Structures are given as structure tokens and as C-alpha cells.
Amino acid sequence: MSLFKNTLSQIDKAAELMNLDPKVGSILRNPERIIEVSLPVKMDDGTLRIFRGMRVQHNSARGPYKGGIRYHPNVDIDEVKALATWMTMKCSVVNIPLGGGKGGVIVNPKELSQAELERLTREFTRHISPFIGPEKDVPAPDVYTNPQIMAWIMDEYSKLQGKNIAGVVTGKPLAVGGSEGRADATSQGGIFVLQEYLKENSEKIGGKSVVVQGFGNAGSHVAHILHDAGFKVIAVSDSKGALYCKDGLQPKKALNCKAEQGKVSECLMAGQSCSMITNEELLTLECDVLILSAMENQIHEGNAEAVNAKVIVELANGPITPQADDILSAKGVDVIPDILANAGGVTVSYFELVQNKMNYYWSSKEVHEKLKEKMCDAWRNVSINAKKYNCSYRVAAFITAMKRLEKAIKTRRG
């Protein structure tokens, strides 16, 4: 099943349970606009390459489209449609006045020089500039994009508009209107929700064993924060393999080692019982909490039965297939779904938009407090709906989001 079909099945399951108006369901199943562009870019050697870019604007009933831009060789329109739809749900479940969008360019950025990457980014910005803006559609970083790329987009868009427009993107460097707390917002938001889940289930926070799949930006931040909060991080992984330390590891040391060695599996720490394992083995380790912060479809029908975690937190988008969801549910494994767990990133992006609009900026403490309030409130609503409808947290999160979307769509359309 394709990623977009997975998304539609999630919508349909929640829609049936909550008795969603079929007209609203039809609207939510179809993106409002799909933009595809060809990007001619001059390479450093003087040759010309044509790249393909895309932007999907899913739904704007609750506000401007919002969502990341990813640079990846495997980007396709089906994936981007799914991610844009999830963004609509994500913004709604945390109750921020934004809709859902997503974009991408088919490229391996590791093969481009910094100058080529900048020319590609500015070309993409010129092509999509009529469709983006603070009150239309606000991109942000995603897979293999970063604050510097957002700064290039902002700069090129501002040139085209003839004035400085900081709010055209979020996730910018602090020097050009970024927000404090944005770098670890996704991880911190997920941790706030995890802590609320543990409290609600009368679980102690300290000493819980944690496995983190994906040791990039979100994964490394979540490992550091959980370690400092008293959790025991026993395994981490990147695309090249995994490191397992049964007595716990030091995330900061592992990250520094990864930077030196090129892969975290090489970071066998002196004096600790550590070993190299495969990414497949990492997913089956016995643990209290499994954090998924890599790519889509990591747990599927073929490996879900072997998962030995008590609770899974989806910091990545779509890391569990619908078939695997059913298997995990039958095993009694709770899943804190992506549209709730990783919504801290878009929440602080919203804060960045607000700060850009005011031209007044909050401290990291203020951002942290506002994020905690939003994420804890979102958890309470999802938990209430899970009990009310006797359903999984994923279905409850979709119900929470779609109730707000239904109200907005009906109010606007009359």
C-alpha cells in the first residue's frame, strides 16, 4: 500500500468512528493544489541539470498551508501528498491556525556543492514564489534541508517581493528571524507527550529503557533530553547500523563519535557492554520506549510481531504501516502517533511566524513553556477521545483533528 493510501485509510477509519460528514471526508481526501516544477540549475563544471520539484497544498480551512521541504533522491508525489495531509491533521490536533502543505526536490544533496545547493534552492524558490508567503503557504526544513536553506529561500523570496519578508519560511537561523527552541522542538514536544502518557498510566519516568531509531536531528536531541531526564538510552541507530549498550550509553559521546567515525555503530564505548547490531535487530530490542525518528514504513507487517517495546513514540512521519498498527494493537503496544508526537516542530514554527509578525522575539524559556502547554493540551484531548471512542491513540488523534477541521470547513462553506 502506498504512503498516501495509508493516510487515506487512517482518515477513513477515524471518519467512520466519529461519523464524519461524507462531504467533509471527500474534501480531506483530496489536496487543494499540486504544483510541479522543472528546475534548470547550472552546475560548478558549467553543465546544466534539470531537477524536479513539487509542492502539495492539502487544506487551508484553518489557515495558511504549512509544511517542510525535503531534498531527497526518492521524493515522489505520492509521498508528498501523504505528508501534506498529515500536516493538516498535525496542525489541527495541536490546535494552531494553520493548514497542511509539503514540498520536495528530487535530488541527493550530498552530491552537490554548497554553491550548487544554493542555486537549486533559489531556482526552486523562484518557481514556487507565486504560491507561498506568510499568509499563503509557509515552508520549513525537512529531510536533508536546514536553516541555511531556509535563509536562502527567505532571501530570494524577499528579493522578488522587493521587501524583507521573514515569515515566508520558518526554521530560519536566529540571525534572520528564527525562533529560540526550534532546533529541538520536535524532540521536546514528543517528550512532553510521552511524559503525560506515563503519568496517565501511573508509570515512573526515571529508569525507563529507551531505544532510538534514527540518530539525526530529532533522534539525537530526544536521546540527550531523555538521558538527562533519567531515562536509560540503551540503543541508537543511523542509516548505516546501530549501537546497543545494555547498561545504557552516553548520547552526547555517541554523537561526537558518530561525527568522527561517520556512523554510530562504530562507537563501542570503553568500559561499557556495547555491541554493533543491525537496524532490523534494533527494532526488536526489549525496551520500555521505542522512539522512531527515521523514515516512513519502518515497522510493517513483516516485523511488527517481533517488536518488544511497551510504548512507541513516532517522531518520524509514517514510520508504522496500518497493517503493523493492527498487529501492535493486538500485542498491547501503545503507539503515540506522529501527528501528535512530532507536532512540536510545527508548533514552534507557528511561534516563529507569530514572532516574525510582531517583530518581537521570546526567550527560549518562554518558547519552552508555550510548547509544553500546547503539547500537554493536545495529549489531553487525544486521550479523552481514545477513551470516548474506545480506539487507539492514532485514531483518537485523527478524530481530534478532524472534528476541528469539520467545524472549520462547514463554517466557511455554509
Protein backbone atom coordinates (compact mmCIF):
# COMPACT_ATOMS: atom_id res chain seq x y z
CA MET A 1 0.00 0.00 0.00
CA SER A 2 1.35 3.45 -0.94
CA LEU A 3 2.03 6.06 1.71
CA PHE A 4 -0.88 8.21 0.52
CA LYS A 5 -3.25 5.22 0.56
CA ASN A 6 -2.04 4.54 4.12
CA THR A 7 -3.02 8.09 5.01
CA LEU A 8 -6.45 7.76 3.42
CA SER A 9 -7.07 4.55 5.34
CA GLN A 10 -6.26 6.39 8.59
CA ILE A 11 -8.73 9.15 7.67
CA ASP A 12 -11.42 6.63 6.75
CA LYS A 13 -11.05 4.67 10.00
CA ALA A 14 -11.46 7.80 12.12
CA ALA A 15 -14.23 9.17 9.89
CA GLU A 16 -16.35 6.05 10.32
CA LEU A 17 -15.94 6.02 14.08
CA MET A 18 -16.76 9.73 14.57
CA ASN A 19 -19.50 9.76 11.91
CA LEU A 20 -17.76 12.47 9.88
CA ASP A 21 -19.87 14.28 7.30
CA PRO A 22 -19.09 12.46 3.99
CA LYS A 23 -18.72 15.77 2.18
CA VAL A 24 -16.02 16.85 4.60
CA GLY A 25 -14.39 13.45 4.23
CA SER A 26 -14.23 13.89 0.46
CA ILE A 27 -12.58 17.29 0.88
CA LEU A 28 -9.97 15.91 3.28
CA ARG A 29 -9.13 13.04 0.93
CA ASN A 30 -8.09 15.41 -1.85
CA PRO A 31 -5.33 18.07 -1.84
CA GLU A 32 -6.46 21.55 -2.87
CA ARG A 33 -3.46 22.18 -5.14
CA ILE A 34 -0.47 20.27 -6.54
CA ILE A 35 2.45 22.24 -8.00
CA GLU A 36 5.18 20.53 -10.05
CA VAL A 37 8.14 22.42 -11.50
CA SER A 38 11.28 21.77 -13.56
CA LEU A 39 14.40 23.43 -12.20
CA PRO A 40 17.32 24.13 -14.57
CA VAL A 41 20.48 24.56 -12.49
CA LYS A 42 23.98 25.41 -13.69
CA MET A 43 26.49 23.08 -12.06
CA ASP A 44 30.00 24.05 -10.98
CA ASP A 45 31.52 22.41 -14.07
CA GLY A 46 29.35 24.54 -16.38
CA THR A 47 26.87 21.80 -17.32
CA LEU A 48 23.11 22.17 -16.88
CA ARG A 49 20.99 19.75 -14.86
CA ILE A 50 17.22 19.69 -14.64
CA PHE A 51 15.78 18.85 -11.24
CA ARG A 52 12.13 18.17 -10.44
CA GLY A 53 10.42 19.97 -7.59
CA MET A 54 6.94 19.77 -6.15
CA ARG A 55 4.67 21.36 -3.54
CA VAL A 56 1.36 19.93 -2.36
CA GLN A 57 -1.10 22.25 -0.60
CA HIS A 58 -3.57 19.98 1.11
CA ASN A 59 -6.08 22.08 3.06
CA SER A 60 -6.34 25.72 4.15
CA ALA A 61 -9.66 25.68 6.04
CA ARG A 62 -7.95 26.56 9.32
CA GLY A 63 -5.20 28.81 7.97
CA PRO A 64 -2.24 29.09 5.55
CA TYR A 65 -0.61 25.88 4.36
CA LYS A 66 2.36 24.83 6.49
CA GLY A 67 4.95 22.12 5.98
CA GLY A 68 8.52 21.22 5.22
CA ILE A 69 10.57 20.90 2.06
CA ARG A 70 12.72 17.79 1.71
CA TYR A 71 15.67 17.23 -0.61
CA HIS A 72 15.95 13.50 -1.27
CA PRO A 73 16.54 11.24 -4.29
CA ASN A 74 13.41 9.21 -3.52
CA VAL A 75 10.92 12.08 -3.17
CA ASP A 76 7.74 11.39 -5.15
CA ILE A 77 4.33 12.99 -5.43
CA ASP A 78 2.56 10.18 -3.57
CA GLU A 79 4.83 10.67 -0.55
CA VAL A 80 4.45 14.46 -0.62
CA LYS A 81 0.63 14.19 -0.81
CA ALA A 82 0.67 11.95 2.26
CA LEU A 83 2.97 14.26 4.20
CA ALA A 84 0.89 17.33 3.29
CA THR A 85 -2.27 15.59 4.52
CA TRP A 86 -0.59 14.63 7.79
CA MET A 87 0.47 18.26 8.22
CA THR A 88 -3.16 19.36 8.02
CA MET A 89 -4.01 16.84 10.75
CA LYS A 90 -0.95 17.74 12.81
CA CYS A 91 -1.72 21.46 12.90
CA SER A 92 -5.31 20.73 13.82
CA VAL A 93 -4.55 18.23 16.58
CA VAL A 94 -2.36 20.79 18.40
CA ASN A 95 -4.94 23.48 17.59
CA ILE A 96 -2.79 26.01 15.73
CA PRO A 97 -4.41 28.11 12.94
CA LEU A 98 -2.56 26.57 10.01
CA GLY A 99 -3.30 24.08 7.25
CA GLY A 100 -1.13 21.41 5.68
CA GLY A 101 1.43 21.52 2.92
CA LYS A 102 4.62 19.73 1.93
CA GLY A 103 7.29 20.07 -0.73
CA GLY A 104 10.31 18.34 -2.12
CA VAL A 105 13.02 18.25 -4.74
CA ILE A 106 14.28 15.01 -6.24
CA VAL A 107 17.99 15.34 -5.52
CA ASN A 108 20.77 13.83 -3.45
CA PRO A 109 22.08 16.98 -1.73
CA LYS A 110 25.23 15.12 -0.64
CA GLU A 111 26.31 15.08 -4.29
CA LEU A 112 26.01 18.89 -4.67
CA SER A 113 28.47 21.56 -3.64
CA GLN A 114 27.29 24.34 -1.34
CA ALA A 115 27.12 26.71 -4.31
CA GLU A 116 25.07 24.23 -6.38
CA LEU A 117 22.72 23.67 -3.45
CA GLU A 118 22.18 27.41 -3.13
CA ARG A 119 21.47 27.82 -6.86
CA LEU A 120 19.00 24.91 -6.74
CA THR A 121 17.23 26.40 -3.71
CA ARG A 122 16.93 29.86 -5.25
CA GLU A 123 15.65 28.38 -8.52
CA PHE A 124 13.02 26.37 -6.65
CA THR A 125 12.01 29.49 -4.71
CA ARG A 126 11.54 31.49 -7.92
CA HIS A 127 9.32 28.78 -9.39
CA ILE A 128 7.02 28.43 -6.36
CA SER A 129 7.10 32.07 -5.21
CA PRO A 130 3.59 32.88 -6.56
CA PHE A 131 2.17 30.17 -4.30
CA ILE A 132 3.98 30.80 -1.00
CA GLY A 133 4.08 33.60 1.59
CA PRO A 134 3.23 34.22 5.25
CA GLU A 135 -0.49 34.29 4.50
CA LYS A 136 -0.47 31.61 1.77
CA ASP A 137 1.97 28.79 2.42
CA VAL A 138 4.96 28.69 4.79
CA PRO A 139 7.69 26.07 4.12
CA ALA A 140 10.15 24.78 6.72
CA PRO A 141 13.12 22.38 6.94
CA ASP A 142 12.62 18.65 6.48
CA VAL A 143 14.79 15.71 5.41
CA TYR A 144 18.19 17.00 4.20
CA THR A 145 17.16 20.65 4.38
CA ASN A 146 18.26 23.00 7.16
CA PRO A 147 18.17 26.59 8.48
CA GLN A 148 20.68 27.77 5.87
CA ILE A 149 18.43 26.57 3.05
CA MET A 150 15.51 28.36 4.69
CA ALA A 151 17.61 31.54 4.80
CA TRP A 152 18.24 31.27 1.04
CA ILE A 153 14.51 30.83 0.39
CA MET A 154 13.68 33.84 2.55
CA ASP A 155 16.35 35.95 0.87
CA GLU A 156 15.29 35.03 -2.68
CA TYR A 157 11.59 35.48 -1.93
CA SER A 158 12.26 38.86 -0.29
CA LYS A 159 14.17 40.00 -3.38
CA LEU A 160 11.25 39.01 -5.60
CA GLN A 161 8.80 40.92 -3.38
CA GLY A 162 11.04 43.96 -3.06
CA LYS A 163 10.98 43.93 0.74
CA ASN A 164 12.12 41.83 3.67
CA ILE A 165 9.59 39.07 4.44
CA ALA A 166 10.95 36.91 7.25
CA GLY A 167 7.72 34.93 7.68
CA VAL A 168 7.81 33.24 4.28
CA VAL A 169 9.59 30.28 5.93
CA THR A 170 10.22 29.01 9.45
CA GLY A 171 13.15 27.10 10.87
CA LYS A 172 15.42 30.01 9.93
CA PRO A 173 18.71 30.84 11.66
CA LEU A 174 18.30 33.11 14.68
CA ALA A 175 20.25 35.84 12.85
CA VAL A 176 17.44 36.28 10.31
CA GLY A 177 14.28 35.85 12.38
CA GLY A 178 14.39 32.29 13.61
CA SER A 179 12.93 31.25 16.96
CA GLU A 180 14.67 30.11 20.10
CA GLY A 181 13.83 26.49 20.82
CA ARG A 182 13.18 25.49 17.19
CA ALA A 183 16.16 23.12 16.85
CA ASP A 184 14.92 20.65 19.46
CA ALA A 185 11.19 21.45 19.26
CA THR A 186 10.19 18.16 17.61
CA SER A 187 12.04 16.11 20.19
CA GLN A 188 10.95 18.21 23.16
CA GLY A 189 7.31 18.14 22.05
CA GLY A 190 7.40 14.36 21.79
CA ILE A 191 8.92 14.09 25.26
CA PHE A 192 6.21 16.28 26.77
CA VAL A 193 3.60 13.93 25.34
CA LEU A 194 5.49 10.81 26.45
CA GLN A 195 5.73 12.17 29.99
CA GLU A 196 1.98 12.86 30.05
CA TYR A 197 1.32 9.33 28.77
CA LEU A 198 3.49 7.84 31.52
CA LYS A 199 1.83 9.95 34.22
CA GLU A 200 -1.63 9.00 33.00
CA ASN A 201 -0.66 5.33 33.11
CA SER A 202 0.90 5.69 36.58
CA GLU A 203 4.36 4.91 35.25
CA LYS A 204 7.55 6.26 36.81
CA ILE A 205 9.68 8.30 34.41
CA GLY A 206 13.16 7.60 35.77
CA GLY A 207 14.99 4.45 34.71
CA LYS A 208 12.84 3.59 31.70
CA SER A 209 14.85 1.91 28.95
CA VAL A 210 14.78 3.69 25.60
CA VAL A 211 15.74 2.68 22.05
CA VAL A 212 16.11 5.45 19.45
CA GLN A 213 15.90 4.61 15.76
CA GLY A 214 17.39 7.46 13.72
CA PHE A 215 20.23 9.47 15.27
CA GLY A 216 19.84 12.64 13.21
CA ASN A 217 18.50 15.97 14.44
CA ALA A 218 15.32 14.72 16.14
CA GLY A 219 16.76 11.41 17.33
CA SER A 220 19.94 12.83 18.83
CA HIS A 221 18.04 15.60 20.62
CA VAL A 222 15.48 13.18 22.07
CA ALA A 223 18.25 10.85 23.25
CA HIS A 224 20.06 13.72 25.02
CA ILE A 225 16.91 15.09 26.66
CA LEU A 226 15.66 11.69 27.83
CA HIS A 227 19.09 10.74 29.18
CA ASP A 228 19.27 13.98 31.15
CA ALA A 229 15.73 13.34 32.46
CA GLY A 230 16.73 9.99 33.97
CA PHE A 231 15.82 7.56 31.18
CA LYS A 232 18.32 4.85 30.19
CA VAL A 233 19.10 5.03 26.46
CA ILE A 234 20.27 1.53 25.53
CA ALA A 235 20.48 1.74 21.72
CA VAL A 236 20.65 4.25 18.87
CA SER A 237 20.95 3.86 15.11
CA ASP A 238 21.60 5.72 11.87
CA SER A 239 21.22 4.58 8.27
CA LYS A 240 24.46 2.55 8.45
CA GLY A 241 23.77 0.46 11.54
CA ALA A 242 23.06 0.51 15.27
CA LEU A 243 24.85 0.64 18.62
CA TYR A 244 23.47 -1.37 21.55
CA CYS A 245 24.69 -0.86 25.12
CA LYS A 246 22.65 -2.97 27.51
CA ASP A 247 23.66 -0.90 30.55
CA GLY A 248 22.98 2.42 28.83
CA LEU A 249 25.03 4.79 26.71
CA GLN A 250 26.03 8.45 26.74
CA PRO A 251 24.16 10.10 23.82
CA LYS A 252 26.48 13.12 23.59
CA LYS A 253 29.57 10.91 23.43
CA ALA A 254 27.88 8.72 20.83
CA LEU A 255 27.01 11.77 18.70
CA ASN A 256 30.57 13.11 18.90
CA CYS A 257 31.91 9.69 17.98
CA LYS A 258 29.49 9.44 15.05
CA ALA A 259 30.79 12.78 13.74
CA GLU A 260 34.34 11.40 13.85
CA GLN A 261 33.69 7.84 12.65
CA GLY A 262 30.90 8.53 10.15
CA LYS A 263 28.48 6.04 11.71
CA VAL A 264 27.22 5.44 15.23
CA SER A 265 27.67 1.65 15.11
CA GLU A 266 31.45 2.17 15.30
CA CYS A 267 31.13 3.90 18.68
CA LEU A 268 31.90 0.97 21.00
CA MET A 269 32.40 2.78 24.29
CA ALA A 270 35.26 1.81 26.58
CA GLY A 271 34.17 0.25 29.85
CA GLN A 272 30.62 -0.40 28.65
CA SER A 273 28.95 -3.56 27.38
CA CYS A 274 28.26 -2.39 23.82
CA SER A 275 27.93 -4.16 20.50
CA MET A 276 27.15 -3.42 16.87
CA ILE A 277 23.72 -4.62 15.75
CA THR A 278 21.65 -4.20 12.60
CA ASN A 279 18.85 -1.70 12.20
CA GLU A 280 16.44 -4.64 11.99
CA GLU A 281 17.69 -6.03 15.30
CA LEU A 282 17.35 -2.61 16.95
CA LEU A 283 13.59 -2.59 16.30
CA THR A 284 13.17 -5.90 18.15
CA LEU A 285 15.11 -5.00 21.32
CA GLU A 286 13.23 -5.37 24.59
CA CYS A 287 12.65 -1.87 25.98
CA ASP A 288 10.12 0.37 27.69
CA VAL A 289 10.10 3.05 24.99
CA LEU A 290 10.93 2.81 21.29
CA ILE A 291 11.43 6.17 19.56
CA LEU A 292 11.05 6.07 15.77
CA SER A 293 12.80 9.09 14.25
CA ALA A 294 13.99 7.81 10.87
CA MET A 295 11.86 7.38 7.73
CA GLU A 296 8.46 6.01 6.69
CA ASN A 297 7.26 2.39 6.87
CA GLN A 298 9.96 1.15 9.28
CA ILE A 299 7.62 -1.16 11.18
CA HIS A 300 5.46 -3.20 8.85
CA GLU A 301 3.56 -6.43 8.57
CA GLY A 302 6.81 -8.38 8.29
CA ASN A 303 8.47 -7.24 11.53
CA ALA A 304 5.72 -5.86 13.80
CA GLU A 305 5.22 -9.14 15.64
CA ALA A 306 8.89 -9.10 16.73
CA VAL A 307 8.69 -5.64 18.34
CA ASN A 308 9.30 -5.81 22.09
CA ALA A 309 8.65 -2.24 23.19
CA LYS A 310 5.91 -1.31 25.66
CA VAL A 311 5.19 2.04 24.00
CA ILE A 312 6.28 3.55 20.68
CA VAL A 313 6.70 7.27 20.02
CA GLU A 314 6.58 8.32 16.36
CA LEU A 315 8.93 11.28 15.93
CA ALA A 316 9.18 10.39 12.23
CA ASN A 317 6.28 10.73 9.80
CA GLY A 318 4.51 7.48 8.98
CA PRO A 319 7.04 5.01 10.41
CA ILE A 320 4.35 2.36 11.08
CA THR A 321 2.09 0.93 8.38
CA PRO A 322 -1.65 0.39 9.02
CA GLN A 323 -1.14 -3.40 8.96
CA ALA A 324 1.60 -3.11 11.59
CA ASP A 325 -0.65 -0.83 13.66
CA ASP A 326 -3.19 -3.64 13.93
CA ILE A 327 -0.52 -6.16 14.94
CA LEU A 328 0.94 -3.85 17.59
CA SER A 329 -2.52 -3.11 18.96
CA ALA A 330 -3.24 -6.83 19.30
CA LYS A 331 0.07 -7.20 21.19
CA GLY A 332 -0.92 -4.41 23.59
CA VAL A 333 1.75 -1.98 22.38
CA ASP A 334 0.61 1.64 22.65
CA VAL A 335 1.64 3.97 19.83
CA ILE A 336 1.82 7.73 20.33
CA PRO A 337 1.20 8.74 16.71
CA ASP A 338 3.21 11.06 14.52
CA ILE A 339 0.51 13.72 14.08
CA LEU A 340 0.68 14.26 17.84
CA ALA A 341 4.16 13.12 18.88
CA ASN A 342 6.17 15.13 16.37
CA ALA A 343 3.92 18.20 16.26
CA GLY A 344 6.31 20.16 18.47
CA GLY A 345 8.23 21.21 15.37
CA VAL A 346 5.28 22.81 13.61
CA THR A 347 4.08 24.31 16.89
CA VAL A 348 7.32 26.22 17.38
CA SER A 349 7.25 27.09 13.67
CA TYR A 350 3.89 28.72 14.38
CA PHE A 351 5.50 30.57 17.28
CA GLU A 352 8.21 31.74 14.86
CA LEU A 353 5.56 33.07 12.47
CA VAL A 354 3.90 34.97 15.31
CA GLN A 355 7.23 36.45 16.40
CA ASN A 356 8.07 37.47 12.82
CA LYS A 357 4.70 39.19 12.54
CA MET A 358 5.19 41.08 15.81
CA ASN A 359 8.91 41.68 15.19
CA TYR A 360 9.31 40.79 18.85
CA TYR A 361 11.08 37.61 19.99
CA TRP A 362 10.62 35.34 23.00
CA SER A 363 13.29 33.74 25.18
CA SER A 364 13.93 30.00 24.98
CA LYS A 365 12.21 29.65 28.37
CA GLU A 366 9.05 31.34 27.06
CA VAL A 367 9.04 29.15 23.93
CA HIS A 368 9.55 26.03 26.05
CA GLU A 369 6.65 26.93 28.35
CA LYS A 370 4.30 27.71 25.46
CA LEU A 371 5.26 24.47 23.71
CA LYS A 372 4.63 22.41 26.84
CA GLU A 373 1.19 23.96 27.26
CA LYS A 374 0.24 23.20 23.65
CA MET A 375 1.52 19.62 23.65
CA CYS A 376 0.01 18.71 27.02
CA ASP A 377 -3.35 20.15 25.99
CA ALA A 378 -3.22 18.19 22.72
CA TRP A 379 -2.43 14.98 24.63
CA ARG A 380 -5.40 15.51 26.97
CA ASN A 381 -7.80 15.91 24.04
CA VAL A 382 -6.44 12.83 22.25
CA SER A 383 -6.56 10.75 25.44
CA ILE A 384 -10.16 11.81 26.08
CA ASN A 385 -11.18 10.79 22.56
CA ALA A 386 -9.31 7.47 22.85
CA LYS A 387 -11.46 6.61 25.87
CA LYS A 388 -14.66 8.08 24.40
CA TYR A 389 -14.41 6.11 21.15
CA ASN A 390 -12.55 3.10 22.61
CA CYS A 391 -9.86 3.38 19.96
CA SER A 392 -6.09 3.69 19.54
CA TYR A 393 -4.28 6.95 20.14
CA ARG A 394 -3.73 7.28 16.38
CA VAL A 395 -7.42 7.08 15.57
CA ALA A 396 -8.16 9.39 18.50
CA ALA A 397 -5.64 11.93 17.19
CA PHE A 398 -7.29 11.88 13.75
CA ILE A 399 -10.72 12.28 15.37
CA THR A 400 -9.43 15.23 17.43
CA ALA A 401 -8.03 16.88 14.31
CA MET A 402 -10.97 16.11 12.03
CA LYS A 403 -13.57 17.44 14.46
CA ARG A 404 -11.88 20.86 14.27
CA LEU A 405 -11.46 20.61 10.51
CA GLU A 406 -15.09 19.62 10.04
CA LYS A 407 -16.22 22.65 12.02
CA ALA A 408 -13.96 25.00 10.06
CA ILE A 409 -14.94 23.60 6.66
CA LYS A 410 -18.67 23.69 7.41
CA THR A 411 -18.47 27.18 8.85
CA ARG A 412 -16.63 28.52 5.80
CA ARG A 413 -18.76 26.74 3.21
CA GLY A 414 -22.09 27.36 4.92
